[in-house]
Amino acid sequence: MGAVTTALIAIAAVALGWCTIEIACKPCLEKGREAIDRNLNPNYDPDDDIDTAATVRAPLNPDYSEAAAALSTVVKAV
């Protein structure tokens, strides 16, 4: 009888622990599950998520000569 009681208490503890983790980490778990669902969907195209007209893209090879010229100016302190 002691083994059955111990097993029931252990099962209840695991169930309560699982519920606690689900409640405490709900936003993180939802994002992860959505990412997994998208990843496993064969019809998902990541390019459809990006609105190319609204996003600002940085150039692949930016020109730093203007920034370097501005930083190399001499300042005389009195």
PDB file of N, CA and C in Angstrom:
ATOM      1  N   MET A   1       0.820  -1.189   0.000  1.00  0.00           N
ATOM      2  CA  MET A   1       0.000   0.000   0.000  1.00  0.00           C
ATOM      3  C   MET A   1       0.868   1.259   0.000  1.00  0.00           C
ATOM      4  N   GLY A   2       2.038   1.218   0.626  1.00  0.00           N
ATOM      5  CA  GLY A   2       2.940   2.370   0.686  1.00  0.00           C
ATOM      6  C   GLY A   2       3.487   2.725  -0.686  1.00  0.00           C
ATOM      7  N   ALA A   3       3.755   1.698  -1.518  1.00  0.00           N
ATOM      8  CA  ALA A   3       4.294   1.956  -2.854  1.00  0.00           C
ATOM      9  C   ALA A   3       3.258   2.642  -3.741  1.00  0.00           C
ATOM     10  N   VAL A   4       2.005   2.242  -3.624  1.00  0.00           N
ATOM     11  CA  VAL A   4       0.941   2.850  -4.427  1.00  0.00           C
ATOM     12  C   VAL A   4       0.758   4.310  -4.021  1.00  0.00           C
ATOM     13  N   THR A   5       0.773   4.586  -2.745  1.00  0.00           N
ATOM     14  CA  THR A   5       0.632   5.961  -2.251  1.00  0.00           C
ATOM     15  C   THR A   5       1.792   6.825  -2.731  1.00  0.00           C
ATOM     16  N   THR A   6       2.993   6.292  -2.658  1.00  0.00           N
ATOM     17  CA  THR A   6       4.172   7.025  -3.126  1.00  0.00           C
ATOM     18  C   THR A   6       4.080   7.296  -4.628  1.00  0.00           C
ATOM     19  N   ALA A   7       3.635   6.314  -5.398  1.00  0.00           N
ATOM     20  CA  ALA A   7       3.499   6.496  -6.842  1.00  0.00           C
ATOM     21  C   ALA A   7       2.452   7.553  -7.153  1.00  0.00           C
ATOM     22  N   LEU A   8       1.328   7.557  -6.463  1.00  0.00           N
ATOM     23  CA  LEU A   8       0.284   8.561  -6.704  1.00  0.00           C
ATOM     24  C   LEU A   8       0.766   9.964  -6.343  1.00  0.00           C
ATOM     25  N   ILE A   9       1.495  10.078  -5.258  1.00  0.00           N
ATOM     26  CA  ILE A   9       2.033  11.380  -4.868  1.00  0.00           C
ATOM     27  C   ILE A   9       3.043  11.869  -5.893  1.00  0.00           C
ATOM     28  N   ALA A  10       3.883  10.967  -6.391  1.00  0.00           N
ATOM     29  CA  ALA A  10       4.876  11.346  -7.394  1.00  0.00           C
ATOM     30  C   ALA A  10       4.204  11.781  -8.692  1.00  0.00           C
ATOM     31  N   ILE A  11       3.169  11.071  -9.124  1.00  0.00           N
ATOM     32  CA  ILE A  11       2.443  11.433 -10.346  1.00  0.00           C
ATOM     33  C   ILE A  11       1.768  12.790 -10.173  1.00  0.00           C
ATOM     34  N   ALA A  12       1.164  13.023  -9.011  1.00  0.00           N
ATOM     35  CA  ALA A  12       0.521  14.321  -8.749  1.00  0.00           C
ATOM     36  C   ALA A  12       1.553  15.439  -8.740  1.00  0.00           C
ATOM     37  N   ALA A  13       2.725  15.194  -8.176  1.00  0.00           N
ATOM     38  CA  ALA A  13       3.776  16.211  -8.143  1.00  0.00           C
ATOM     39  C   ALA A  13       4.266  16.548  -9.540  1.00  0.00           C
ATOM     40  N   VAL A  14       4.435  15.538 -10.380  1.00  0.00           N
ATOM     41  CA  VAL A  14       4.868  15.780 -11.760  1.00  0.00           C
ATOM     42  C   VAL A  14       3.802  16.569 -12.517  1.00  0.00           C
ATOM     43  N   ALA A  15       2.532  16.229 -12.333  1.00  0.00           N
ATOM     44  CA  ALA A  15       1.443  16.943 -13.013  1.00  0.00           C
ATOM     45  C   ALA A  15       1.382  18.395 -12.553  1.00  0.00           C
ATOM     46  N   LEU A  16       1.491  18.643 -11.264  1.00  0.00           N
ATOM     47  CA  LEU A  16       1.472  20.020 -10.762  1.00  0.00           C
ATOM     48  C   LEU A  16       2.700  20.805 -11.234  1.00  0.00           C
ATOM     49  N   GLY A  17       3.833  20.164 -11.276  1.00  0.00           N
ATOM     50  CA  GLY A  17       5.038  20.815 -11.792  1.00  0.00           C
ATOM     51  C   GLY A  17       4.904  21.198 -13.244  1.00  0.00           C
ATOM     52  N   TRP A  18       4.341  20.305 -14.040  1.00  0.00           N
ATOM     53  CA  TRP A  18       4.118  20.577 -15.458  1.00  0.00           C
ATOM     54  C   TRP A  18       3.170  21.765 -15.636  1.00  0.00           C
ATOM     55  N   CYS A  19       2.090  21.795 -14.872  1.00  0.00           N
ATOM     56  CA  CYS A  19       1.135  22.911 -14.953  1.00  0.00           C
ATOM     57  C   CYS A  19       1.793  24.220 -14.549  1.00  0.00           C
ATOM     58  N   THR A  20       2.628  24.182 -13.539  1.00  0.00           N
ATOM     59  CA  THR A  20       3.322  25.384 -13.082  1.00  0.00           C
ATOM     60  C   THR A  20       4.237  25.925 -14.166  1.00  0.00           C
ATOM     61  N   ILE A  21       4.989  25.049 -14.814  1.00  0.00           N
ATOM     62  CA  ILE A  21       5.884  25.481 -15.888  1.00  0.00           C
ATOM     63  C   ILE A  21       5.089  26.028 -17.059  1.00  0.00           C
ATOM     64  N   GLU A  22       3.984  25.388 -17.414  1.00  0.00           N
ATOM     65  CA  GLU A  22       3.149  25.866 -18.511  1.00  0.00           C
ATOM     66  C   GLU A  22       2.593  27.260 -18.229  1.00  0.00           C
ATOM     67  N   ILE A  23       2.187  27.509 -17.012  1.00  0.00           N
ATOM     68  CA  ILE A  23       1.618  28.811 -16.654  1.00  0.00           C
ATOM     69  C   ILE A  23       2.717  29.865 -16.568  1.00  0.00           C
ATOM     70  N   ALA A  24       3.836  29.539 -15.963  1.00  0.00           N
ATOM     71  CA  ALA A  24       4.904  30.518 -15.750  1.00  0.00           C
ATOM     72  C   ALA A  24       5.595  30.914 -17.052  1.00  0.00           C
ATOM     73  N   CYS A  25       5.762  29.995 -17.960  1.00  0.00           N
ATOM     74  CA  CYS A  25       6.514  30.243 -19.195  1.00  0.00           C
ATOM     75  C   CYS A  25       5.624  30.297 -20.425  1.00  0.00           C
ATOM     76  N   LYS A  26       4.369  30.661 -20.263  1.00  0.00           N
ATOM     77  CA  LYS A  26       3.410  30.608 -21.361  1.00  0.00           C
ATOM     78  C   LYS A  26       3.837  31.423 -22.592  1.00  0.00           C
ATOM     79  N   PRO A  27       4.256  32.696 -22.466  1.00  0.00           N
ATOM     80  CA  PRO A  27       4.617  33.447 -23.679  1.00  0.00           C
ATOM     81  C   PRO A  27       5.789  32.824 -24.433  1.00  0.00           C
ATOM     82  N   CYS A  28       6.785  32.393 -23.700  1.00  0.00           N
ATOM     83  CA  CYS A  28       7.953  31.790 -24.340  1.00  0.00           C
ATOM     84  C   CYS A  28       7.596  30.471 -25.010  1.00  0.00           C
ATOM     85  N   LEU A  29       6.800  29.667 -24.345  1.00  0.00           N
ATOM     86  CA  LEU A  29       6.407  28.380 -24.905  1.00  0.00           C
ATOM     87  C   LEU A  29       5.528  28.547 -26.142  1.00  0.00           C
ATOM     88  N   GLU A  30       4.660  29.570 -26.142  1.00  0.00           N
ATOM     89  CA  GLU A  30       3.806  29.795 -27.309  1.00  0.00           C
ATOM     90  C   GLU A  30       4.634  30.198 -28.519  1.00  0.00           C
ATOM     91  N   LYS A  31       5.618  31.083 -28.325  1.00  0.00           N
ATOM     92  CA  LYS A  31       6.490  31.487 -29.433  1.00  0.00           C
ATOM     93  C   LYS A  31       7.260  30.289 -29.978  1.00  0.00           C
ATOM     94  N   GLY A  32       7.749  29.463 -29.072  1.00  0.00           N
ATOM     95  CA  GLY A  32       8.496  28.283 -29.508  1.00  0.00           C
ATOM     96  C   GLY A  32       7.631  27.300 -30.270  1.00  0.00           C
ATOM     97  N   ARG A  33       6.420  27.089 -29.790  1.00  0.00           N
ATOM     98  CA  ARG A  33       5.516  26.163 -30.482  1.00  0.00           C
ATOM     99  C   ARG A  33       5.100  26.696 -31.847  1.00  0.00           C
ATOM    100  N   GLU A  34       4.902  28.030 -31.954  1.00  0.00           N
ATOM    101  CA  GLU A  34       4.578  28.612 -33.251  1.00  0.00           C
ATOM    102  C   GLU A  34       5.745  28.452 -34.217  1.00  0.00           C
ATOM    103  N   ALA A  35       6.955  28.635 -33.730  1.00  0.00           N
ATOM    104  CA  ALA A  35       8.132  28.477 -34.581  1.00  0.00           C
ATOM    105  C   ALA A  35       8.271  27.031 -35.047  1.00  0.00           C
ATOM    106  N   ILE A  36       8.014  26.091 -34.167  1.00  0.00           N
ATOM    107  CA  ILE A  36       8.088  24.677 -34.547  1.00  0.00           C
ATOM    108  C   ILE A  36       7.009  24.348 -35.578  1.00  0.00           C
ATOM    109  N   ASP A  37       5.790  24.868 -35.368  1.00  0.00           N
ATOM    110  CA  ASP A  37       4.713  24.616 -36.330  1.00  0.00           C
ATOM    111  C   ASP A  37       5.050  25.191 -37.700  1.00  0.00           C
ATOM    112  N   ARG A  38       5.615  26.419 -37.727  1.00  0.00           N
ATOM    113  CA  ARG A  38       6.004  27.018 -39.009  1.00  0.00           C
ATOM    114  C   ARG A  38       7.098  26.197 -39.669  1.00  0.00           C
ATOM    115  N   ASN A  39       8.052  25.722 -38.873  1.00  0.00           N
ATOM    116  CA  ASN A  39       9.180  24.977 -39.411  1.00  0.00           C
ATOM    117  C   ASN A  39       8.755  23.634 -39.989  1.00  0.00           C
ATOM    118  N   LEU A  40       7.736  23.028 -39.394  1.00  0.00           N
ATOM    119  CA  LEU A  40       7.284  21.719 -39.871  1.00  0.00           C
ATOM    120  C   LEU A  40       6.255  21.807 -40.991  1.00  0.00           C
ATOM    121  N   ASN A  41       5.777  23.012 -41.297  1.00  0.00           N
ATOM    122  CA  ASN A  41       4.785  23.204 -42.346  1.00  0.00           C
ATOM    123  C   ASN A  41       5.485  23.233 -43.704  1.00  0.00           C
ATOM    124  N   PRO A  42       5.199  22.282 -44.590  1.00  0.00           N
ATOM    125  CA  PRO A  42       5.888  22.263 -45.886  1.00  0.00           C
ATOM    126  C   PRO A  42       5.445  23.399 -46.812  1.00  0.00           C
ATOM    127  N   ASN A  43       4.309  24.025 -46.564  1.00  0.00           N
ATOM    128  CA  ASN A  43       3.817  25.110 -47.415  1.00  0.00           C
ATOM    129  C   ASN A  43       4.244  26.488 -46.913  1.00  0.00           C
ATOM    130  N   TYR A  44       5.027  26.556 -45.847  1.00  0.00           N
ATOM    131  CA  TYR A  44       5.442  27.833 -45.276  1.00  0.00           C
ATOM    132  C   TYR A  44       6.603  28.408 -46.072  1.00  0.00           C
ATOM    133  N   ASP A  45       6.485  29.678 -46.443  1.00  0.00           N
ATOM    134  CA  ASP A  45       7.545  30.378 -47.152  1.00  0.00           C
ATOM    135  C   ASP A  45       7.972  31.570 -46.299  1.00  0.00           C
ATOM    136  N   PRO A  46       9.192  31.597 -45.791  1.00  0.00           N
ATOM    137  CA  PRO A  46       9.612  32.698 -44.925  1.00  0.00           C
ATOM    138  C   PRO A  46       9.590  34.050 -45.622  1.00  0.00           C
ATOM    139  N   ASP A  47       9.710  34.068 -46.946  1.00  0.00           N
ATOM    140  CA  ASP A  47       9.695  35.336 -47.666  1.00  0.00           C
ATOM    141  C   ASP A  47       8.331  36.005 -47.630  1.00  0.00           C
ATOM    142  N   ASP A  48       7.277  35.250 -47.372  1.00  0.00           N
ATOM    143  CA  ASP A  48       5.943  35.830 -47.307  1.00  0.00           C
ATOM    144  C   ASP A  48       5.744  36.669 -46.060  1.00  0.00           C
ATOM    145  N   ASP A  49       6.530  36.440 -45.008  1.00  0.00           N
ATOM    146  CA  ASP A  49       6.393  37.182 -43.758  1.00  0.00           C
ATOM    147  C   ASP A  49       6.951  38.595 -43.853  1.00  0.00           C
ATOM    148  N   ILE A  50       7.902  38.824 -44.730  1.00  0.00           N
ATOM    149  CA  ILE A  50       8.603  40.096 -44.803  1.00  0.00           C
ATOM    150  C   ILE A  50       7.908  41.009 -45.807  1.00  0.00           C
ATOM    151  N   ASP A  51       7.542  42.192 -45.349  1.00  0.00           N
ATOM    152  CA  ASP A  51       6.972  43.207 -46.231  1.00  0.00           C
ATOM    153  C   ASP A  51       8.139  44.042 -46.748  1.00  0.00           C
ATOM    154  N   THR A  52       8.604  43.758 -47.962  1.00  0.00           N
ATOM    155  CA  THR A  52       9.813  44.392 -48.475  1.00  0.00           C
ATOM    156  C   THR A  52       9.622  45.874 -48.725  1.00  0.00           C
ATOM    157  N   ALA A  53       8.412  46.336 -48.953  1.00  0.00           N
ATOM    158  CA  ALA A  53       8.188  47.759 -49.194  1.00  0.00           C
ATOM    159  C   ALA A  53       8.330  48.568 -47.912  1.00  0.00           C
ATOM    160  N   ALA A  54       8.016  47.987 -46.772  1.00  0.00           N
ATOM    161  CA  ALA A  54       8.021  48.729 -45.518  1.00  0.00           C
ATOM    162  C   ALA A  54       9.343  48.614 -44.763  1.00  0.00           C
ATOM    163  N   THR A  55      10.169  47.645 -45.080  1.00  0.00           N
ATOM    164  CA  THR A  55      11.406  47.457 -44.321  1.00  0.00           C
ATOM    165  C   THR A  55      12.529  48.278 -44.917  1.00  0.00           C
ATOM    166  N   VAL A  56      13.385  48.770 -44.061  1.00  0.00           N
ATOM    167  CA  VAL A  56      14.550  49.511 -44.497  1.00  0.00           C
ATOM    168  C   VAL A  56      15.732  48.562 -44.402  1.00  0.00           C
ATOM    169  N   ARG A  57      16.450  48.449 -45.498  1.00  0.00           N
ATOM    170  CA  ARG A  57      17.583  47.529 -45.521  1.00  0.00           C
ATOM    171  C   ARG A  57      18.880  48.311 -45.586  1.00  0.00           C
ATOM    172  N   ALA A  58      19.842  47.881 -44.815  1.00  0.00           N
ATOM    173  CA  ALA A  58      21.162  48.489 -44.847  1.00  0.00           C
ATOM    174  C   ALA A  58      21.943  47.916 -46.018  1.00  0.00           C
ATOM    175  N   PRO A  59      22.832  48.710 -46.606  1.00  0.00           N
ATOM    176  CA  PRO A  59      23.629  48.183 -47.713  1.00  0.00           C
ATOM    177  C   PRO A  59      24.592  47.106 -47.235  1.00  0.00           C
ATOM    178  N   LEU A  60      24.902  46.177 -48.126  1.00  0.00           N
ATOM    179  CA  LEU A  60      25.819  45.108 -47.759  1.00  0.00           C
ATOM    180  C   LEU A  60      27.233  45.631 -47.550  1.00  0.00           C
ATOM    181  N   ASN A  61      27.638  46.632 -48.345  1.00  0.00           N
ATOM    182  CA  ASN A  61      28.969  47.226 -48.221  1.00  0.00           C
ATOM    183  C   ASN A  61      28.804  48.722 -47.953  1.00  0.00           C
ATOM    184  N   PRO A  62      28.599  49.106 -46.706  1.00  0.00           N
ATOM    185  CA  PRO A  62      28.379  50.521 -46.415  1.00  0.00           C
ATOM    186  C   PRO A  62      29.649  51.330 -46.640  1.00  0.00           C
ATOM    187  N   ASP A  63      29.478  52.604 -46.968  1.00  0.00           N
ATOM    188  CA  ASP A  63      30.590  53.503 -47.215  1.00  0.00           C
ATOM    189  C   ASP A  63      30.897  54.246 -45.917  1.00  0.00           C
ATOM    190  N   TYR A  64      32.017  53.903 -45.293  1.00  0.00           N
ATOM    191  CA  TYR A  64      32.387  54.508 -44.022  1.00  0.00           C
ATOM    192  C   TYR A  64      33.323  55.706 -44.196  1.00  0.00           C
ATOM    193  N   SER A  65      33.600  56.133 -45.414  1.00  0.00           N
ATOM    194  CA  SER A  65      34.555  57.215 -45.609  1.00  0.00           C
ATOM    195  C   SER A  65      34.040  58.529 -45.024  1.00  0.00           C
ATOM    196  N   GLU A  66      32.745  58.799 -45.118  1.00  0.00           N
ATOM    197  CA  GLU A  66      32.194  60.033 -44.557  1.00  0.00           C
ATOM    198  C   GLU A  66      32.273  60.019 -43.035  1.00  0.00           C
ATOM    199  N   ALA A  67      31.976  58.892 -42.422  1.00  0.00           N
ATOM    200  CA  ALA A  67      32.036  58.795 -40.970  1.00  0.00           C
ATOM    201  C   ALA A  67      33.482  58.902 -40.488  1.00  0.00           C
ATOM    202  N   ALA A  68      34.410  58.313 -41.219  1.00  0.00           N
ATOM    203  CA  ALA A  68      35.818  58.386 -40.838  1.00  0.00           C
ATOM    204  C   ALA A  68      36.336  59.808 -40.981  1.00  0.00           C
ATOM    205  N   ALA A  69      35.894  60.537 -42.011  1.00  0.00           N
ATOM    206  CA  ALA A  69      36.322  61.919 -42.195  1.00  0.00           C
ATOM    207  C   ALA A  69      35.790  62.795 -41.072  1.00  0.00           C
ATOM    208  N   ALA A  70      34.592  62.550 -40.624  1.00  0.00           N
ATOM    209  CA  ALA A  70      34.005  63.347 -39.552  1.00  0.00           C
ATOM    210  C   ALA A  70      34.722  63.080 -38.232  1.00  0.00           C
ATOM    211  N   LEU A  71      35.180  61.878 -38.012  1.00  0.00           N
ATOM    212  CA  LEU A  71      35.856  61.542 -36.765  1.00  0.00           C
ATOM    213  C   LEU A  71      37.298  62.013 -36.732  1.00  0.00           C
ATOM    214  N   SER A  72      37.904  62.247 -37.895  1.00  0.00           N
ATOM    215  CA  SER A  72      39.320  62.603 -37.922  1.00  0.00           C
ATOM    216  C   SER A  72      39.558  64.109 -37.891  1.00  0.00           C
ATOM    217  N   THR A  73      38.543  64.902 -37.671  1.00  0.00           N
ATOM    218  CA  THR A  73      38.730  66.343 -37.600  1.00  0.00           C
ATOM    219  C   THR A  73      39.467  66.704 -36.316  1.00  0.00           C
ATOM    220  N   VAL A  74      40.297  67.713 -36.415  1.00  0.00           N
ATOM    221  CA  VAL A  74      41.112  68.145 -35.291  1.00  0.00           C
ATOM    222  C   VAL A  74      40.321  69.165 -34.491  1.00  0.00           C
ATOM    223  N   VAL A  75      40.299  68.963 -33.189  1.00  0.00           N
ATOM    224  CA  VAL A  75      39.638  69.909 -32.303  1.00  0.00           C
ATOM    225  C   VAL A  75      40.672  70.492 -31.375  1.00  0.00           C
ATOM    226  N   LYS A  76      40.709  71.822 -31.328  1.00  0.00           N
ATOM    227  CA  LYS A  76      41.676  72.498 -30.469  1.00  0.00           C
ATOM    228  C   LYS A  76      40.987  72.890 -29.179  1.00  0.00           C
ATOM    229  N   ALA A  77      41.522  72.388 -28.087  1.00  0.00           N
ATOM    230  CA  ALA A  77      40.951  72.703 -26.774  1.00  0.00           C
ATOM    231  C   ALA A  77      41.806  73.740 -26.093  1.00  0.00           C
ATOM    232  N   VAL A  78      41.181  74.706 -25.458  1.00  0.00           N
ATOM    233  CA  VAL A  78      41.918  75.764 -24.784  1.00  0.00           C
ATOM    234  C   VAL A  78      41.855  75.577 -23.311  1.00  0.00           C
TER     235      VAL A  78
END
